[in-house]
C-alpha atoms as a PDB file:
ATOM      1  CA  MET A   1       4.563  -3.271  21.686  1.00  0.00           C
ATOM      2  CA  SER A   2       3.504  -0.146  23.472  1.00  0.00           C
ATOM      3  CA  ILE A   3      -0.110   0.508  24.611  1.00  0.00           C
ATOM      4  CA  TRP A   4      -1.609   2.772  22.072  1.00  0.00           C
ATOM      5  CA  GLU A   5       0.139   0.232  19.502  1.00  0.00           C
ATOM      6  CA  SER A   6      -1.745  -2.724  20.808  1.00  0.00           C
ATOM      7  CA  ALA A   7      -5.595  -0.637  21.136  1.00  0.00           C
ATOM      8  CA  ALA A   8      -4.302   0.330  17.444  1.00  0.00           C
ATOM      9  CA  VAL A   9      -3.737  -3.324  15.744  1.00  0.00           C
ATOM     10  CA  PHE A  10      -7.319  -3.994  18.454  1.00  0.00           C
ATOM     11  CA  ALA A  11      -9.120  -1.460  16.553  1.00  0.00           C
ATOM     12  CA  ALA A  12      -7.838  -2.514  12.656  1.00  0.00           C
ATOM     13  CA  GLY A  13      -8.751  -5.297  13.665  1.00  0.00           C
ATOM     14  CA  ILE A  14     -11.884  -4.755  14.162  1.00  0.00           C
ATOM     15  CA  GLY A  15     -12.385  -2.037  11.193  1.00  0.00           C
ATOM     16  CA  ALA A  16     -10.605  -5.761   9.637  1.00  0.00           C
ATOM     17  CA  GLY A  17     -13.676  -7.930  10.576  1.00  0.00           C
ATOM     18  CA  THR A  18     -15.722  -5.835   9.800  1.00  0.00           C
ATOM     19  CA  ILE A  19     -14.502  -4.846   5.629  1.00  0.00           C
ATOM     20  CA  ASN A  20     -13.774  -8.573   5.230  1.00  0.00           C
ATOM     21  CA  THR A  21     -17.340  -9.253   5.365  1.00  0.00           C
ATOM     22  CA  ILE A  22     -19.288  -7.200   3.583  1.00  0.00           C
ATOM     23  CA  VAL A  23     -16.308  -7.570   0.501  1.00  0.00           C
ATOM     24  CA  GLY A  24     -12.874  -7.966   1.398  1.00  0.00           C
ATOM     25  CA  SER A  25      -9.399  -5.781   1.971  1.00  0.00           C
ATOM     26  CA  GLY A  26      -9.115  -6.079   5.546  1.00  0.00           C
ATOM     27  CA  THR A  27      -5.992  -6.205   5.668  1.00  0.00           C
ATOM     28  CA  LEU A  28      -5.119  -3.056   4.021  1.00  0.00           C
ATOM     29  CA  ILE A  29      -6.116  -1.383   6.620  1.00  0.00           C
ATOM     30  CA  THR A  30      -4.474  -3.767   9.576  1.00  0.00           C
ATOM     31  CA  PHE A  31      -1.029  -4.475   7.598  1.00  0.00           C
ATOM     32  CA  PRO A  32      -0.290  -1.299   6.986  1.00  0.00           C
ATOM     33  CA  VAL A  33      -0.435  -0.092  11.130  1.00  0.00           C
ATOM     34  CA  LEU A  34       1.502  -4.192  12.187  1.00  0.00           C
ATOM     35  CA  LEU A  35       4.296  -2.093   9.934  1.00  0.00           C
ATOM     36  CA  ALA A  36       3.547   0.981  11.578  1.00  0.00           C
ATOM     37  CA  THR A  37       4.770  -1.000  14.766  1.00  0.00           C
ATOM     38  CA  GLY A  38       7.980  -1.508  13.678  1.00  0.00           C
ATOM     39  CA  LEU A  39       7.074  -5.416  12.154  1.00  0.00           C
ATOM     40  CA  PRO A  40       9.316  -6.456   9.471  1.00  0.00           C
ATOM     41  CA  PRO A  41       6.568  -7.462   6.141  1.00  0.00           C
ATOM     42  CA  VAL A  42       7.145 -10.882   6.236  1.00  0.00           C
ATOM     43  CA  THR A  43       6.063 -10.939   9.537  1.00  0.00           C
ATOM     44  CA  ALA A  44       2.865  -8.490   9.803  1.00  0.00           C
ATOM     45  CA  ASN A  45       1.980 -10.198   6.903  1.00  0.00           C
ATOM     46  CA  VAL A  46       1.785 -13.919   8.052  1.00  0.00           C
ATOM     47  CA  SER A  47       0.801 -11.995  12.190  1.00  0.00           C
ATOM     48  CA  ASN A  48      -2.297 -10.787   9.920  1.00  0.00           C
ATOM     49  CA  THR A  49      -3.041 -13.853   7.793  1.00  0.00           C
ATOM     50  CA  LEU A  50      -3.444 -16.516  11.138  1.00  0.00           C
ATOM     51  CA  GLY A  51      -4.756 -12.963  12.966  1.00  0.00           C
ATOM     52  CA  LEU A  52      -8.072 -12.744  10.339  1.00  0.00           C
ATOM     53  CA  VAL A  53      -9.279 -16.636  10.667  1.00  0.00           C
ATOM     54  CA  PRO A  54     -11.197 -15.918  13.907  1.00  0.00           C
ATOM     55  CA  GLY A  55     -12.452 -13.585  12.468  1.00  0.00           C
ATOM     56  CA  SER A  56     -13.369 -15.373   8.465  1.00  0.00           C
ATOM     57  CA  ILE A  57     -14.761 -17.743  11.045  1.00  0.00           C
ATOM     58  CA  SER A  58     -17.054 -14.990  12.572  1.00  0.00           C
ATOM     59  CA  GLY A  59     -18.351 -13.595   9.346  1.00  0.00           C
ATOM     60  CA  ALA A  60     -19.650 -17.179   7.906  1.00  0.00           C
ATOM     61  CA  ILE A  61     -21.862 -17.273  11.249  1.00  0.00           C
ATOM     62  CA  GLY A  62     -22.906 -14.264  10.929  1.00  0.00           C
ATOM     63  CA  TYR A  63     -23.957 -14.896   7.437  1.00  0.00           C
ATOM     64  CA  ARG A  64     -25.615 -18.747   8.063  1.00  0.00           C
ATOM     65  CA  LYS A  65     -28.912 -17.461   7.518  1.00  0.00           C
ATOM     66  CA  GLU A  66     -27.794 -17.188   3.160  1.00  0.00           C
ATOM     67  CA  LEU A  67     -25.621 -20.274   2.900  1.00  0.00           C
ATOM     68  CA  GLN A  68     -28.550 -22.800   4.205  1.00  0.00           C
ATOM     69  CA  GLY A  69     -28.830 -24.639   0.151  1.00  0.00           C
ATOM     70  CA  GLN A  70     -25.304 -24.117  -0.656  1.00  0.00           C
ATOM     71  CA  ARG A  71     -23.831 -26.897   1.329  1.00  0.00           C
ATOM     72  CA  GLY A  72     -22.487 -28.635  -1.944  1.00  0.00           C
ATOM     73  CA  ARG A  73     -21.541 -25.694  -3.731  1.00  0.00           C
ATOM     74  CA  ILE A  74     -19.108 -25.016  -1.135  1.00  0.00           C
ATOM     75  CA  ILE A  75     -17.731 -27.672  -0.500  1.00  0.00           C
ATOM     76  CA  ARG A  76     -16.871 -27.896  -4.276  1.00  0.00           C
ATOM     77  CA  LEU A  77     -15.283 -24.299  -4.252  1.00  0.00           C
ATOM     78  CA  GLY A  78     -14.252 -24.267  -0.848  1.00  0.00           C
ATOM     79  CA  ALA A  79     -11.616 -27.627  -1.752  1.00  0.00           C
ATOM     80  CA  VAL A  80     -10.156 -25.528  -4.720  1.00  0.00           C
ATOM     81  CA  SER A  81      -9.554 -22.862  -2.810  1.00  0.00           C
ATOM     82  CA  LEU A  82      -7.619 -24.585   0.006  1.00  0.00           C
ATOM     83  CA  VAL A  83      -4.879 -25.736  -2.785  1.00  0.00           C
ATOM     84  CA  GLY A  84      -5.008 -22.938  -3.677  1.00  0.00           C
ATOM     85  CA  GLY A  85      -4.484 -21.043  -0.858  1.00  0.00           C
ATOM     86  CA  LEU A  86      -2.142 -23.287   0.262  1.00  0.00           C
ATOM     87  CA  ALA A  87       0.064 -22.963  -2.922  1.00  0.00           C
ATOM     88  CA  GLY A  88       0.136 -19.205  -2.268  1.00  0.00           C
ATOM     89  CA  ALA A  89       1.562 -19.719   1.167  1.00  0.00           C
ATOM     90  CA  VAL A  90       4.270 -22.012   0.253  1.00  0.00           C
ATOM     91  CA  LEU A  91       4.945 -18.936  -2.259  1.00  0.00           C
ATOM     92  CA  LEU A  92       5.178 -16.738   0.428  1.00  0.00           C
ATOM     93  CA  VAL A  93       8.004 -18.209   2.162  1.00  0.00           C
ATOM     94  CA  THR A  94       9.599 -18.751  -0.237  1.00  0.00           C
ATOM     95  CA  LEU A  95       9.296 -16.534  -4.037  1.00  0.00           C
ATOM     96  CA  PRO A  96      10.407 -12.713  -4.032  1.00  0.00           C
ATOM     97  CA  SER A  97       7.733 -10.110  -3.920  1.00  0.00           C
ATOM     98  CA  ASP A  98       8.528  -8.162  -6.771  1.00  0.00           C
ATOM     99  CA  SER A  99       6.702 -10.346  -9.653  1.00  0.00           C
ATOM    100  CA  PHE A 100       3.795 -10.819  -7.693  1.00  0.00           C
ATOM    101  CA  ASP A 101       3.550  -7.743  -6.371  1.00  0.00           C
ATOM    102  CA  THR A 102       3.649  -5.798  -9.751  1.00  0.00           C
ATOM    103  CA  ILE A 103       0.136  -7.858 -11.103  1.00  0.00           C
ATOM    104  CA  VAL A 104      -2.181  -7.816  -7.872  1.00  0.00           C
ATOM    105  CA  PRO A 105      -3.305  -3.611  -9.384  1.00  0.00           C
ATOM    106  CA  VAL A 106      -4.177  -6.262 -12.302  1.00  0.00           C
ATOM    107  CA  LEU A 107      -5.914  -8.639 -10.112  1.00  0.00           C
ATOM    108  CA  ILE A 108      -7.813  -6.206  -8.403  1.00  0.00           C
ATOM    109  CA  GLY A 109      -8.667  -4.425 -11.046  1.00  0.00           C
ATOM    110  CA  LEU A 110     -10.197  -7.285 -13.369  1.00  0.00           C
ATOM    111  CA  ALA A 111     -12.024  -7.746 -10.159  1.00  0.00           C
ATOM    112  CA  LEU A 112     -13.722  -4.531  -9.952  1.00  0.00           C
ATOM    113  CA  VAL A 113     -14.308  -4.610 -13.678  1.00  0.00           C
ATOM    114  CA  LEU A 114     -15.871  -7.739 -12.729  1.00  0.00           C
ATOM    115  CA  VAL A 115     -18.174  -6.828 -10.176  1.00  0.00           C
ATOM    116  CA  ILE A 116     -19.340  -3.563 -12.081  1.00  0.00           C
ATOM    117  CA  LEU A 117     -20.315  -5.156 -15.609  1.00  0.00           C
ATOM    118  CA  GLN A 118     -21.701  -8.302 -13.754  1.00  0.00           C
ATOM    119  CA  PRO A 119     -25.085  -7.886 -14.149  1.00  0.00           C
ATOM    120  CA  ARG A 120     -24.498  -7.808 -17.646  1.00  0.00           C
ATOM    121  CA  LEU A 121     -22.653 -10.072 -18.312  1.00  0.00           C
ATOM    122  CA  ALA A 122     -24.712 -12.558 -16.077  1.00  0.00           C
ATOM    123  CA  ALA A 123     -27.658 -11.858 -18.675  1.00  0.00           C
ATOM    124  CA  ALA A 124     -25.877 -12.289 -22.039  1.00  0.00           C
ATOM    125  CA  LEU A 125     -24.634 -14.996 -21.116  1.00  0.00           C
ATOM    126  CA  ARG A 126     -28.077 -17.033 -19.912  1.00  0.00           C
ATOM    127  CA  LYS A 127     -29.137 -15.121 -22.475  1.00  0.00           C
ATOM    128  CA  HIS A 128     -26.236 -16.301 -25.011  1.00  0.00           C
ATOM    129  CA  GLN A 129     -26.938 -20.129 -22.921  1.00  0.00           C
ATOM    130  CA  GLU A 130     -30.953 -20.419 -23.499  1.00  0.00           C
ATOM    131  CA  ALA A 131     -31.364 -20.050 -27.109  1.00  0.00           C
ATOM    132  CA  ALA A 132     -27.643 -22.157 -27.905  1.00  0.00           C
ATOM    133  CA  GLY A 133     -30.399 -24.977 -25.947  1.00  0.00           C
ATOM    134  CA  GLY A 134     -31.846 -23.866 -22.961  1.00  0.00           C
ATOM    135  CA  ASP A 135     -29.518 -24.291 -20.537  1.00  0.00           C
ATOM    136  CA  THR A 136     -29.135 -22.120 -17.537  1.00  0.00           C
ATOM    137  CA  GLY A 137     -25.542 -23.019 -17.457  1.00  0.00           C
ATOM    138  CA  HIS A 138     -23.989 -25.811 -14.889  1.00  0.00           C
ATOM    139  CA  PRO A 139     -24.799 -24.709 -11.762  1.00  0.00           C
ATOM    140  CA  ASP A 140     -21.948 -23.688 -10.101  1.00  0.00           C
ATOM    141  CA  GLY A 141     -20.057 -21.741 -12.903  1.00  0.00           C
ATOM    142  CA  GLY A 142     -18.037 -25.006 -14.091  1.00  0.00           C
ATOM    143  CA  PRO A 143     -14.498 -25.174 -15.198  1.00  0.00           C
ATOM    144  CA  ALA A 144     -13.893 -22.253 -15.214  1.00  0.00           C
ATOM    145  CA  LEU A 145     -15.052 -20.368 -12.525  1.00  0.00           C
ATOM    146  CA  LEU A 146     -12.855 -23.654 -10.438  1.00  0.00           C
ATOM    147  CA  SER A 147      -9.826 -21.935 -12.084  1.00  0.00           C
ATOM    148  CA  GLY A 148     -11.103 -18.512 -11.577  1.00  0.00           C
ATOM    149  CA  MET A 149     -10.677 -20.109  -7.173  1.00  0.00           C
ATOM    150  CA  LEU A 150      -7.619 -21.403  -7.645  1.00  0.00           C
ATOM    151  CA  LEU A 151      -5.583 -18.912  -8.219  1.00  0.00           C
ATOM    152  CA  SER A 152      -7.183 -15.757  -6.519  1.00  0.00           C
ATOM    153  CA  SER A 153      -6.554 -18.488  -3.502  1.00  0.00           C
ATOM    154  CA  ALA A 154      -2.994 -18.357  -4.359  1.00  0.00           C
ATOM    155  CA  TYR A 155      -3.396 -15.059  -3.954  1.00  0.00           C
ATOM    156  CA  GLY A 156      -5.185 -15.609  -0.969  1.00  0.00           C
ATOM    157  CA  GLY A 157      -3.030 -18.046   0.751  1.00  0.00           C
ATOM    158  CA  TYR A 158      -0.372 -14.829  -0.925  1.00  0.00           C
ATOM    159  CA  PHE A 159      -1.153 -12.090   0.787  1.00  0.00           C
ATOM    160  CA  GLY A 160      -5.487 -11.317   0.995  1.00  0.00           C
ATOM    161  CA  ALA A 161      -5.635  -8.320  -0.443  1.00  0.00           C
ATOM    162  CA  ALA A 162      -9.242  -7.569  -1.611  1.00  0.00           C
ATOM    163  CA  GLN A 163      -9.062 -11.924  -2.320  1.00  0.00           C
ATOM    164  CA  GLY A 164     -13.081 -10.764  -1.944  1.00  0.00           C
ATOM    165  CA  VAL A 165     -13.634  -8.725  -4.612  1.00  0.00           C
ATOM    166  CA  LEU A 166     -11.141 -11.028  -7.034  1.00  0.00           C
ATOM    167  CA  TYR A 167     -13.991 -14.206  -5.444  1.00  0.00           C
ATOM    168  CA  ILE A 168     -17.200 -11.750  -5.857  1.00  0.00           C
ATOM    169  CA  GLY A 169     -16.390 -10.993  -9.289  1.00  0.00           C
ATOM    170  CA  LEU A 170     -15.849 -14.569 -10.363  1.00  0.00           C
ATOM    171  CA  MET A 171     -18.972 -16.023  -9.126  1.00  0.00           C
ATOM    172  CA  GLY A 172     -20.761 -12.959  -9.636  1.00  0.00           C
ATOM    173  CA  LEU A 173     -20.247 -13.788 -13.300  1.00  0.00           C
ATOM    174  CA  LEU A 174     -20.724 -17.592 -13.470  1.00  0.00           C
ATOM    175  CA  LEU A 175     -22.988 -18.569 -10.328  1.00  0.00           C
ATOM    176  CA  HIS A 176     -27.015 -17.101 -11.088  1.00  0.00           C
ATOM    177  CA  GLU A 177     -27.464 -16.866  -7.279  1.00  0.00           C
ATOM    178  CA  ASP A 178     -27.884 -13.557  -5.372  1.00  0.00           C
ATOM    179  CA  LEU A 179     -25.456 -11.021  -4.134  1.00  0.00           C
ATOM    180  CA  GLN A 180     -25.825 -12.149  -0.551  1.00  0.00           C
ATOM    181  CA  ARG A 181     -25.385 -15.282  -1.325  1.00  0.00           C
ATOM    182  CA  ILE A 182     -22.457 -15.186  -2.884  1.00  0.00           C
ATOM    183  CA  ASN A 183     -21.482 -13.223  -0.038  1.00  0.00           C
ATOM    184  CA  ALA A 184     -21.511 -15.221   2.250  1.00  0.00           C
ATOM    185  CA  VAL A 185     -19.726 -17.681   0.220  1.00  0.00           C
ATOM    186  CA  LYS A 186     -17.111 -15.907   0.156  1.00  0.00           C
ATOM    187  CA  ASN A 187     -16.665 -15.568   3.875  1.00  0.00           C
ATOM    188  CA  VAL A 188     -16.167 -18.713   3.570  1.00  0.00           C
ATOM    189  CA  ILE A 189     -13.956 -19.361   1.109  1.00  0.00           C
ATOM    190  CA  ALA A 190     -11.958 -17.120   3.042  1.00  0.00           C
ATOM    191  CA  ALA A 191     -11.618 -18.735   6.595  1.00  0.00           C
ATOM    192  CA  LEU A 192     -10.982 -21.862   4.915  1.00  0.00           C
ATOM    193  CA  VAL A 193      -8.006 -19.927   2.467  1.00  0.00           C
ATOM    194  CA  ASN A 194      -7.291 -17.766   5.122  1.00  0.00           C
ATOM    195  CA  GLY A 195      -6.806 -20.654   7.873  1.00  0.00           C
ATOM    196  CA  ILE A 196      -5.639 -23.623   5.518  1.00  0.00           C
ATOM    197  CA  ALA A 197      -2.278 -20.460   4.823  1.00  0.00           C
ATOM    198  CA  ALA A 198      -2.853 -19.988   8.526  1.00  0.00           C
ATOM    199  CA  VAL A 199      -1.073 -23.292   9.790  1.00  0.00           C
ATOM    200  CA  PHE A 200       1.061 -23.537   7.716  1.00  0.00           C
ATOM    201  CA  PHE A 201       2.402 -20.351   8.312  1.00  0.00           C
ATOM    202  CA  LEU A 202       2.726 -22.309  12.623  1.00  0.00           C
ATOM    203  CA  PHE A 203       5.359 -24.039  12.010  1.00  0.00           C
ATOM    204  CA  VAL A 204       7.383 -22.747   8.766  1.00  0.00           C
ATOM    205  CA  ALA A 205       6.856 -18.821   9.309  1.00  0.00           C
ATOM    206  CA  ASP A 206       8.378 -16.213  12.198  1.00  0.00           C
ATOM    207  CA  PHE A 207       5.112 -14.337  13.691  1.00  0.00           C
ATOM    208  CA  ASP A 208       4.157 -11.648  16.815  1.00  0.00           C
ATOM    209  CA  TRP A 209       1.589 -13.474  19.026  1.00  0.00           C
ATOM    210  CA  THR A 210       0.586 -10.578  20.488  1.00  0.00           C
ATOM    211  CA  ALA A 211      -0.305  -9.111  16.971  1.00  0.00           C
ATOM    212  CA  VAL A 212      -2.165 -12.579  16.613  1.00  0.00           C
ATOM    213  CA  LEU A 213      -3.829 -11.998  19.128  1.00  0.00           C
ATOM    214  CA  LEU A 214      -5.251  -7.940  19.230  1.00  0.00           C
ATOM    215  CA  ILE A 215      -6.363  -8.747  15.693  1.00  0.00           C
ATOM    216  CA  ALA A 216      -8.108 -12.348  15.837  1.00  0.00           C
ATOM    217  CA  VAL A 217     -10.510 -10.707  19.074  1.00  0.00           C
ATOM    218  CA  GLY A 218     -10.679  -7.272  16.851  1.00  0.00           C
ATOM    219  CA  SER A 219     -11.909  -8.971  14.000  1.00  0.00           C
ATOM    220  CA  THR A 220     -13.695 -11.683  16.001  1.00  0.00           C
ATOM    221  CA  LEU A 221     -16.061  -9.041  16.565  1.00  0.00           C
ATOM    222  CA  GLY A 222     -15.484  -6.655  13.057  1.00  0.00           C
ATOM    223  CA  GLY A 223     -17.040  -9.897  11.224  1.00  0.00           C
ATOM    224  CA  GLN A 224     -20.282 -10.212  13.251  1.00  0.00           C
ATOM    225  CA  VAL A 225     -20.820  -6.441  12.930  1.00  0.00           C
ATOM    226  CA  GLY A 226     -20.139  -6.382   9.432  1.00  0.00           C
ATOM    227  CA  ALA A 227     -22.685  -9.639   8.483  1.00  0.00           C
ATOM    228  CA  LYS A 228     -25.399  -6.817   9.962  1.00  0.00           C
ATOM    229  CA  VAL A 229     -23.906  -4.299   8.444  1.00  0.00           C
ATOM    230  CA  GLY A 230     -23.282  -6.183   4.817  1.00  0.00           C
ATOM    231  CA  ARG A 231     -27.227  -8.012   4.730  1.00  0.00           C
ATOM    232  CA  ARG A 232     -28.485  -4.963   4.773  1.00  0.00           C
ATOM    233  CA  LEU A 233     -27.257  -3.713   1.620  1.00  0.00           C
ATOM    234  CA  SER A 234     -28.920  -3.685  -1.519  1.00  0.00           C
ATOM    235  CA  PRO A 235     -26.685  -4.999  -4.425  1.00  0.00           C
ATOM    236  CA  THR A 236     -26.693  -1.767  -6.464  1.00  0.00           C
ATOM    237  CA  VAL A 237     -24.951  -0.247  -2.506  1.00  0.00           C
ATOM    238  CA  LEU A 238     -22.954  -2.931  -2.190  1.00  0.00           C
ATOM    239  CA  ARG A 239     -21.321  -3.265  -5.918  1.00  0.00           C
ATOM    240  CA  ALA A 240     -20.817   0.346  -5.009  1.00  0.00           C
ATOM    241  CA  VAL A 241     -19.235  -0.952  -1.185  1.00  0.00           C
ATOM    242  CA  ILE A 242     -17.111  -3.237  -3.149  1.00  0.00           C
ATOM    243  CA  VAL A 243     -15.522  -0.915  -6.038  1.00  0.00           C
ATOM    244  CA  THR A 244     -15.213   2.021  -3.895  1.00  0.00           C
ATOM    245  CA  VAL A 245     -12.978  -0.945  -2.016  1.00  0.00           C
ATOM    246  CA  GLY A 246     -10.849  -1.791  -4.243  1.00  0.00           C
ATOM    247  CA  VAL A 247     -10.086   1.113  -5.865  1.00  0.00           C
ATOM    248  CA  ILE A 248      -8.608   2.184  -2.089  1.00  0.00           C
ATOM    249  CA  ALA A 249      -6.445  -1.206  -2.246  1.00  0.00           C
ATOM    250  CA  ILE A 250      -5.606  -0.748  -5.802  1.00  0.00           C
ATOM    251  CA  VAL A 251      -3.951   3.179  -4.609  1.00  0.00           C
ATOM    252  CA  GLN A 252      -2.731   1.705  -1.625  1.00  0.00           C
ATOM    253  CA  LEU A 253      -1.102  -0.925  -3.475  1.00  0.00           C
ATOM    254  CA  LEU A 254       0.492   0.829  -6.392  1.00  0.00           C
ATOM    255  CA  LEU A 255       2.356   3.296  -3.527  1.00  0.00           C
ATOM    256  CA  ARG A 256       3.673   0.428  -1.598  1.00  0.00           C
END
């Protein structure tokens, strides 16, 4: 890897760490850059996953204030997400990507619809639950959210682009919680999923250590930048950023 390629990968790592902390889809910044350096797709994907783990941890630390009081929720959602993330990592090294790649743009599109409609859908769901007996809903989203997080994390372990959009879409609909606190949980879950996939890849997949280290340092810096920027955004602006990134993700995946 030349000095200019190294600089490009490092810059992409900063960008990915920043956007991952705010919403997700940082992989759509780093993955094309790694491909441009000549790495094979699977090697690039694995190297990217390994490199983004420190950035996810950095972003989660940056949102530590919003994580207060959510330990139980994180444990429950995190346990399910770890299983899904490991399953996705296994799929990456055992199955052809064609069939899975076909459904990825659809998943992202559905997540964007959830993000856009989340306030109205959540209000309607709350009204229905209260009319049915005053129940305000399961504090952790119930089986529906656990199932959704399992499937989303399987996708995250497999490729990961826009997994944050999926998480926010699901939690925003099924949790009665502020969007910034949901974003904080999303950062922790992403760190867990990337971490379990990375551990698996260390033993069974090929990766490029130079790329891993450059992305790791860059994404760690980006994680702190993203935490400072993201928590200052209003829910409306944050949703606009999510939708913009999600649309870009769909376009890039369809053209890939």
